[in-house]
Amino acid sequence: VQLVESGGGLVQAGGSLRLSCAASGSRFRLNNMGWYRQAPGKERELVALITRGGITNYADSVKGRFTISRDNANNAVYLQMNSLKPEDTAIYYCNADLAMTYWGRGTLVTVSS
């Protein structure tokens, strides 16, 4: 399974971005899909997770600002990010489970103050 992220970029604080992740190489519907991020000098952390049935889970730091969604028919997952803050600056990675865990290469999100 290959995961390819897109939608990262540079945005001012208070702005919005929408990340997309397209999965290919699997005939089966992926199980949990999610977004993680890693800021410079910090460990990778969970941002948001969505189950195959649509149950979501968010890091406290993004609750109320980010929304995760998925398209099961196309094995895709999205992250709508609003009210962005400089501390949201990180490389954002797509993650998916199907018997094993798969990772994308990441997309950089930079939020300027």
Protein backbone atom coordinates (compact mmCIF):
# COMPACT_ATOMS: atom_id res chain seq x y z
CA VAL A 1 0.00 0.00 0.00
CA GLN A 2 1.34 3.42 -0.96
CA LEU A 3 0.16 6.59 0.73
CA VAL A 4 0.71 9.98 -0.90
CA GLU A 5 -0.04 13.21 0.94
CA SER A 6 -0.76 16.56 -0.63
CA GLY A 7 -2.02 19.99 0.36
CA GLY A 8 0.74 21.24 2.61
CA GLY A 9 2.22 24.69 2.28
CA LEU A 10 2.83 28.05 3.88
CA VAL A 11 -0.07 29.85 5.53
CA GLN A 12 -0.45 32.74 7.95
CA ALA A 13 -1.71 32.21 11.46
CA GLY A 14 -5.48 31.99 11.48
CA GLY A 15 -5.58 30.56 8.00
CA SER A 16 -6.71 27.17 6.72
CA LEU A 17 -5.30 24.25 4.78
CA ARG A 18 -6.76 20.96 3.64
CA LEU A 19 -4.52 17.93 3.51
CA SER A 20 -5.32 14.93 1.37
CA CYS A 21 -3.94 11.40 1.42
CA ALA A 22 -4.55 8.94 -1.38
CA ALA A 23 -3.90 5.24 -0.86
CA SER A 24 -3.12 2.90 -3.71
CA GLY A 25 -2.13 -0.71 -4.07
CA SER A 26 -4.89 -2.29 -2.02
CA ARG A 27 -8.12 -3.87 -3.17
CA PHE A 28 -9.37 -3.86 0.40
CA ARG A 29 -10.83 -1.06 2.45
CA LEU A 30 -8.28 0.23 4.90
CA ASN A 31 -9.00 0.07 8.60
CA ASN A 32 -7.98 3.01 10.77
CA MET A 33 -6.59 5.99 8.90
CA GLY A 34 -5.02 9.00 10.49
CA TRP A 35 -2.73 11.96 10.48
CA TYR A 36 0.39 12.38 12.57
CA ARG A 37 2.83 15.26 12.68
CA GLN A 38 6.41 15.83 13.66
CA ALA A 39 7.76 19.27 14.48
CA PRO A 40 11.50 20.04 14.46
CA GLY A 41 13.16 18.54 17.51
CA LYS A 42 10.00 16.79 18.66
CA GLU A 43 8.62 13.29 18.47
CA ARG A 44 5.93 12.30 16.01
CA GLU A 45 2.47 12.70 17.53
CA LEU A 46 -1.06 11.74 16.66
CA VAL A 47 -3.17 14.55 15.26
CA ALA A 48 -6.38 12.79 14.32
CA LEU A 49 -7.64 9.29 13.66
CA ILE A 50 -10.73 7.93 11.94
CA THR A 51 -11.97 4.36 11.95
CA ARG A 52 -13.46 2.58 8.98
CA GLY A 53 -16.87 3.24 10.54
CA GLY A 54 -16.23 6.96 10.89
CA ILE A 55 -15.42 7.26 14.58
CA THR A 56 -12.91 10.05 15.12
CA ASN A 57 -10.32 10.90 17.73
CA TYR A 58 -8.32 14.12 17.99
CA ALA A 59 -5.34 15.39 19.90
CA ASP A 60 -6.44 17.93 22.49
CA SER A 61 -4.33 20.60 20.80
CA VAL A 62 -6.38 20.46 17.58
CA LYS A 63 -9.89 19.76 18.85
CA GLY A 64 -12.37 22.26 17.46
CA ARG A 65 -9.95 23.42 14.77
CA PHE A 66 -9.17 20.31 12.69
CA THR A 67 -11.58 17.87 11.09
CA ILE A 68 -10.66 14.45 9.74
CA SER A 69 -12.77 12.70 7.13
CA ARG A 70 -12.39 9.79 4.76
CA ASP A 71 -13.65 8.42 1.49
CA ASN A 72 -13.86 4.65 1.92
CA ALA A 73 -14.65 3.99 -1.71
CA ASN A 74 -11.36 5.55 -2.73
CA ASN A 75 -9.27 4.74 0.35
CA ALA A 76 -8.59 8.41 0.94
CA VAL A 77 -8.37 10.49 4.10
CA TYR A 78 -8.49 14.24 4.55
CA LEU A 79 -7.60 16.75 7.23
CA GLN A 80 -9.27 20.15 7.22
CA MET A 81 -7.19 22.50 9.34
CA ASN A 82 -8.68 25.83 10.41
CA SER A 83 -7.48 28.57 12.73
CA LEU A 84 -3.91 27.43 12.22
CA LYS A 85 -1.30 28.44 14.76
CA PRO A 86 2.49 28.69 14.44
CA GLU A 87 2.77 25.67 16.75
CA ASP A 88 0.97 23.60 14.11
CA THR A 89 4.08 23.89 11.94
CA ALA A 90 5.31 20.35 11.24
CA ILE A 91 5.59 17.62 8.68
CA TYR A 92 2.23 15.90 8.51
CA TYR A 93 2.16 12.17 7.79
CA CYS A 94 -0.70 10.03 6.62
CA ASN A 95 -1.09 6.67 8.32
CA ALA A 96 -3.24 3.65 7.52
CA ASP A 97 -3.74 0.15 8.88
CA LEU A 98 -4.38 -3.02 6.89
CA ALA A 99 -2.79 -6.01 8.62
CA MET A 100 0.23 -3.75 9.06
CA THR A 101 0.81 -0.02 9.39
CA TYR A 102 1.66 2.12 6.40
CA TRP A 103 3.06 5.64 6.28
CA GLY A 104 3.25 8.34 3.67
CA ARG A 105 6.36 10.44 3.10
CA GLY A 106 4.79 13.52 4.64
CA THR A 107 3.83 17.02 3.61
CA LEU A 108 5.20 20.16 5.20
CA VAL A 109 2.85 22.64 6.83
CA THR A 110 4.35 25.97 7.85
CA VAL A 111 2.29 28.51 9.77
CA SER A 112 3.77 31.98 10.01
CA SER A 113 2.95 34.39 12.82
